[in-house]
Amino acid sequence: MSIDTYKLTSMEEPTDEVLSQLMREAAEEASKSNSEATTRFFEEIKQAAAAY
């Protein structure tokens, strides 16, 4: 089983390696999304402050 063939809906438990990779990728994606949201938030704050 590899990360490319594992399906989360599978009745089969992932190996420790596959689970570790899935968790690492999810954490990286969450971190990236959080960073992008923070950047957008502060840009909107700057724009709102400049409008006043």
PDB file of N, CA and C in Angstrom:
ATOM      1  N   MET A   1       0.855  -1.173   0.000  1.00  0.00           N
ATOM      2  CA  MET A   1       0.000   0.000   0.000  1.00  0.00           C
ATOM      3  C   MET A   1       0.904   1.240   0.000  1.00  0.00           C
ATOM      4  N   SER A   2       0.520   2.213  -0.809  1.00  0.00           N
ATOM      5  CA  SER A   2       1.269   3.468  -0.848  1.00  0.00           C
ATOM      6  C   SER A   2       0.295   4.627  -0.694  1.00  0.00           C
ATOM      7  N   ILE A   3       0.834   5.800  -0.485  1.00  0.00           N
ATOM      8  CA  ILE A   3       0.012   7.004  -0.332  1.00  0.00           C
ATOM      9  C   ILE A   3      -0.813   7.248  -1.591  1.00  0.00           C
ATOM     10  N   ASP A   4      -0.286   6.852  -2.741  1.00  0.00           N
ATOM     11  CA  ASP A   4      -0.991   7.077  -4.001  1.00  0.00           C
ATOM     12  C   ASP A   4      -2.166   6.128  -4.199  1.00  0.00           C
ATOM     13  N   THR A   5      -2.139   4.982  -3.554  1.00  0.00           N
ATOM     14  CA  THR A   5      -3.208   4.007  -3.767  1.00  0.00           C
ATOM     15  C   THR A   5      -4.170   3.897  -2.588  1.00  0.00           C
ATOM     16  N   TYR A   6      -3.824   4.459  -1.442  1.00  0.00           N
ATOM     17  CA  TYR A   6      -4.685   4.354  -0.270  1.00  0.00           C
ATOM     18  C   TYR A   6      -5.893   5.270  -0.401  1.00  0.00           C
ATOM     19  N   LYS A   7      -7.052   4.763  -0.075  1.00  0.00           N
ATOM     20  CA  LYS A   7      -8.293   5.534  -0.076  1.00  0.00           C
ATOM     21  C   LYS A   7      -8.791   5.651   1.361  1.00  0.00           C
ATOM     22  N   LEU A   8      -9.149   6.851   1.781  1.00  0.00           N
ATOM     23  CA  LEU A   8      -9.619   7.046   3.148  1.00  0.00           C
ATOM     24  C   LEU A   8     -10.896   6.266   3.439  1.00  0.00           C
ATOM     25  N   THR A   9     -11.660   5.931   2.411  1.00  0.00           N
ATOM     26  CA  THR A   9     -12.893   5.189   2.615  1.00  0.00           C
ATOM     27  C   THR A   9     -12.657   3.687   2.650  1.00  0.00           C
ATOM     28  N   SER A  10     -11.418   3.279   2.517  1.00  0.00           N
ATOM     29  CA  SER A  10     -11.077   1.864   2.518  1.00  0.00           C
ATOM     30  C   SER A  10     -11.365   1.251   3.881  1.00  0.00           C
ATOM     31  N   MET A  11     -11.747  -0.002   3.885  1.00  0.00           N
ATOM     32  CA  MET A  11     -11.962  -0.729   5.134  1.00  0.00           C
ATOM     33  C   MET A  11     -10.625  -1.206   5.692  1.00  0.00           C
ATOM     34  N   GLU A  12      -9.588  -1.067   4.924  1.00  0.00           N
ATOM     35  CA  GLU A  12      -8.252  -1.503   5.304  1.00  0.00           C
ATOM     36  C   GLU A  12      -7.542  -0.384   6.068  1.00  0.00           C
ATOM     37  N   GLU A  13      -6.914  -0.716   7.163  1.00  0.00           N
ATOM     38  CA  GLU A  13      -6.160   0.269   7.944  1.00  0.00           C
ATOM     39  C   GLU A  13      -4.894   0.649   7.189  1.00  0.00           C
ATOM     40  N   PRO A  14      -4.521   1.933   7.214  1.00  0.00           N
ATOM     41  CA  PRO A  14      -3.281   2.328   6.544  1.00  0.00           C
ATOM     42  C   PRO A  14      -2.072   1.854   7.350  1.00  0.00           C
ATOM     43  N   THR A  15      -0.977   1.679   6.670  1.00  0.00           N
ATOM     44  CA  THR A  15       0.257   1.349   7.381  1.00  0.00           C
ATOM     45  C   THR A  15       0.696   2.586   8.162  1.00  0.00           C
ATOM     46  N   ASP A  16       1.594   2.400   9.095  1.00  0.00           N
ATOM     47  CA  ASP A  16       2.095   3.527   9.872  1.00  0.00           C
ATOM     48  C   ASP A  16       2.750   4.562   8.962  1.00  0.00           C
ATOM     49  N   GLU A  17       3.456   4.101   7.946  1.00  0.00           N
ATOM     50  CA  GLU A  17       4.130   5.012   7.020  1.00  0.00           C
ATOM     51  C   GLU A  17       3.121   5.838   6.226  1.00  0.00           C
ATOM     52  N   VAL A  18       2.075   5.174   5.724  1.00  0.00           N
ATOM     53  CA  VAL A  18       1.051   5.876   4.943  1.00  0.00           C
ATOM     54  C   VAL A  18       0.303   6.857   5.842  1.00  0.00           C
ATOM     55  N   LEU A  19      -0.044   6.428   7.038  1.00  0.00           N
ATOM     56  CA  LEU A  19      -0.747   7.314   7.964  1.00  0.00           C
ATOM     57  C   LEU A  19       0.114   8.523   8.315  1.00  0.00           C
ATOM     58  N   SER A  20       1.385   8.291   8.544  1.00  0.00           N
ATOM     59  CA  SER A  20       2.301   9.389   8.848  1.00  0.00           C
ATOM     60  C   SER A  20       2.385  10.379   7.696  1.00  0.00           C
ATOM     61  N   GLN A  21       2.455   9.867   6.479  1.00  0.00           N
ATOM     62  CA  GLN A  21       2.525  10.749   5.316  1.00  0.00           C
ATOM     63  C   GLN A  21       1.217  11.507   5.132  1.00  0.00           C
ATOM     64  N   LEU A  22       0.086  10.843   5.322  1.00  0.00           N
ATOM     65  CA  LEU A  22      -1.213  11.519   5.217  1.00  0.00           C
ATOM     66  C   LEU A  22      -1.309  12.657   6.231  1.00  0.00           C
ATOM     67  N   MET A  23      -0.886  12.388   7.446  1.00  0.00           N
ATOM     68  CA  MET A  23      -0.951  13.409   8.493  1.00  0.00           C
ATOM     69  C   MET A  23       0.007  14.557   8.199  1.00  0.00           C
ATOM     70  N   ARG A  24       1.194  14.245   7.707  1.00  0.00           N
ATOM     71  CA  ARG A  24       2.173  15.286   7.377  1.00  0.00           C
ATOM     72  C   ARG A  24       1.635  16.183   6.264  1.00  0.00           C
ATOM     73  N   GLU A  25       1.057  15.561   5.224  1.00  0.00           N
ATOM     74  CA  GLU A  25       0.509  16.348   4.114  1.00  0.00           C
ATOM     75  C   GLU A  25      -0.674  17.195   4.562  1.00  0.00           C
ATOM     76  N   ALA A  26      -1.521  16.655   5.438  1.00  0.00           N
ATOM     77  CA  ALA A  26      -2.657  17.427   5.952  1.00  0.00           C
ATOM     78  C   ALA A  26      -2.165  18.618   6.773  1.00  0.00           C
ATOM     79  N   ALA A  27      -1.138  18.400   7.583  1.00  0.00           N
ATOM     80  CA  ALA A  27      -0.589  19.491   8.397  1.00  0.00           C
ATOM     81  C   ALA A  27       0.032  20.567   7.512  1.00  0.00           C
ATOM     82  N   GLU A  28       0.741  20.162   6.462  1.00  0.00           N
ATOM     83  CA  GLU A  28       1.337  21.137   5.548  1.00  0.00           C
ATOM     84  C   GLU A  28       0.264  21.951   4.842  1.00  0.00           C
ATOM     85  N   GLU A  29      -0.797  21.274   4.408  1.00  0.00           N
ATOM     86  CA  GLU A  29      -1.891  21.971   3.723  1.00  0.00           C
ATOM     87  C   GLU A  29      -2.607  22.933   4.672  1.00  0.00           C
ATOM     88  N   ALA A  30      -2.829  22.513   5.906  1.00  0.00           N
ATOM     89  CA  ALA A  30      -3.480  23.377   6.884  1.00  0.00           C
ATOM     90  C   ALA A  30      -2.611  24.594   7.195  1.00  0.00           C
ATOM     91  N   SER A  31      -1.326  24.384   7.308  1.00  0.00           N
ATOM     92  CA  SER A  31      -0.406  25.491   7.585  1.00  0.00           C
ATOM     93  C   SER A  31      -0.402  26.493   6.434  1.00  0.00           C
ATOM     94  N   LYS A  32      -0.369  25.996   5.224  1.00  0.00           N
ATOM     95  CA  LYS A  32      -0.383  26.864   4.048  1.00  0.00           C
ATOM     96  C   LYS A  32      -1.688  27.649   3.978  1.00  0.00           C
ATOM     97  N   SER A  33      -2.797  26.966   4.197  1.00  0.00           N
ATOM     98  CA  SER A  33      -4.106  27.618   4.163  1.00  0.00           C
ATOM     99  C   SER A  33      -4.209  28.689   5.247  1.00  0.00           C
ATOM    100  N   ASN A  34      -3.720  28.385   6.432  1.00  0.00           N
ATOM    101  CA  ASN A  34      -3.740  29.354   7.531  1.00  0.00           C
ATOM    102  C   ASN A  34      -2.896  30.574   7.196  1.00  0.00           C
ATOM    103  N   SER A  35      -1.736  30.354   6.628  1.00  0.00           N
ATOM    104  CA  SER A  35      -0.854  31.456   6.258  1.00  0.00           C
ATOM    105  C   SER A  35      -1.514  32.353   5.209  1.00  0.00           C
ATOM    106  N   GLU A  36      -2.134  31.736   4.219  1.00  0.00           N
ATOM    107  CA  GLU A  36      -2.804  32.507   3.168  1.00  0.00           C
ATOM    108  C   GLU A  36      -3.979  33.300   3.748  1.00  0.00           C
ATOM    109  N   ALA A  37      -4.742  32.689   4.643  1.00  0.00           N
ATOM    110  CA  ALA A  37      -5.881  33.377   5.253  1.00  0.00           C
ATOM    111  C   ALA A  37      -5.413  34.555   6.112  1.00  0.00           C
ATOM    112  N   THR A  38      -4.327  34.366   6.842  1.00  0.00           N
ATOM    113  CA  THR A  38      -3.780  35.446   7.664  1.00  0.00           C
ATOM    114  C   THR A  38      -3.331  36.609   6.793  1.00  0.00           C
ATOM    115  N   THR A  39      -2.654  36.304   5.701  1.00  0.00           N
ATOM    116  CA  THR A  39      -2.208  37.347   4.775  1.00  0.00           C
ATOM    117  C   THR A  39      -3.397  38.105   4.208  1.00  0.00           C
ATOM    118  N   ARG A  40      -4.433  37.390   3.764  1.00  0.00           N
ATOM    119  CA  ARG A  40      -5.641  38.046   3.229  1.00  0.00           C
ATOM    120  C   ARG A  40      -6.306  38.914   4.291  1.00  0.00           C
ATOM    121  N   PHE A  41      -6.381  38.418   5.518  1.00  0.00           N
ATOM    122  CA  PHE A  41      -7.005  39.157   6.610  1.00  0.00           C
ATOM    123  C   PHE A  41      -6.306  40.497   6.824  1.00  0.00           C
ATOM    124  N   PHE A  42      -4.986  40.473   6.941  1.00  0.00           N
ATOM    125  CA  PHE A  42      -4.263  41.712   7.197  1.00  0.00           C
ATOM    126  C   PHE A  42      -4.293  42.655   5.994  1.00  0.00           C
ATOM    127  N   GLU A  43      -4.334  42.119   4.790  1.00  0.00           N
ATOM    128  CA  GLU A  43      -4.484  42.967   3.607  1.00  0.00           C
ATOM    129  C   GLU A  43      -5.839  43.674   3.631  1.00  0.00           C
ATOM    130  N   GLU A  44      -6.886  42.951   4.020  1.00  0.00           N
ATOM    131  CA  GLU A  44      -8.216  43.563   4.111  1.00  0.00           C
ATOM    132  C   GLU A  44      -8.262  44.618   5.210  1.00  0.00           C
ATOM    133  N   ILE A  45      -7.585  44.368   6.315  1.00  0.00           N
ATOM    134  CA  ILE A  45      -7.515  45.355   7.402  1.00  0.00           C
ATOM    135  C   ILE A  45      -6.815  46.618   6.904  1.00  0.00           C
ATOM    136  N   LYS A  46      -5.695  46.454   6.191  1.00  0.00           N
ATOM    137  CA  LYS A  46      -4.963  47.606   5.650  1.00  0.00           C
ATOM    138  C   LYS A  46      -5.834  48.409   4.692  1.00  0.00           C
ATOM    139  N   GLN A  47      -6.577  47.699   3.823  1.00  0.00           N
ATOM    140  CA  GLN A  47      -7.434  48.381   2.857  1.00  0.00           C
ATOM    141  C   GLN A  47      -8.556  49.129   3.569  1.00  0.00           C
ATOM    142  N   ALA A  48      -9.128  48.510   4.590  1.00  0.00           N
ATOM    143  CA  ALA A  48     -10.207  49.162   5.335  1.00  0.00           C
ATOM    144  C   ALA A  48      -9.674  50.385   6.070  1.00  0.00           C
ATOM    145  N   ALA A  49      -8.488  50.279   6.631  1.00  0.00           N
ATOM    146  CA  ALA A  49      -7.903  51.421   7.359  1.00  0.00           C
ATOM    147  C   ALA A  49      -7.559  52.556   6.400  1.00  0.00           C
ATOM    148  N   ALA A  50      -7.120  52.221   5.195  1.00  0.00           N
ATOM    149  CA  ALA A  50      -6.767  53.242   4.218  1.00  0.00           C
ATOM    150  C   ALA A  50      -7.998  53.958   3.685  1.00  0.00           C
ATOM    151  N   ALA A  51      -9.155  53.290   3.739  1.00  0.00           N
ATOM    152  CA  ALA A  51     -10.394  53.878   3.233  1.00  0.00           C
ATOM    153  C   ALA A  51     -10.943  54.949   4.171  1.00  0.00           C
ATOM    154  N   TYR A  52     -10.511  54.955   5.424  1.00  0.00           N
ATOM    155  CA  TYR A  52     -11.019  55.939   6.390  1.00  0.00           C
ATOM    156  C   TYR A  52     -10.184  57.140   6.457  1.00  0.00           C
TER     157      TYR A  52
END
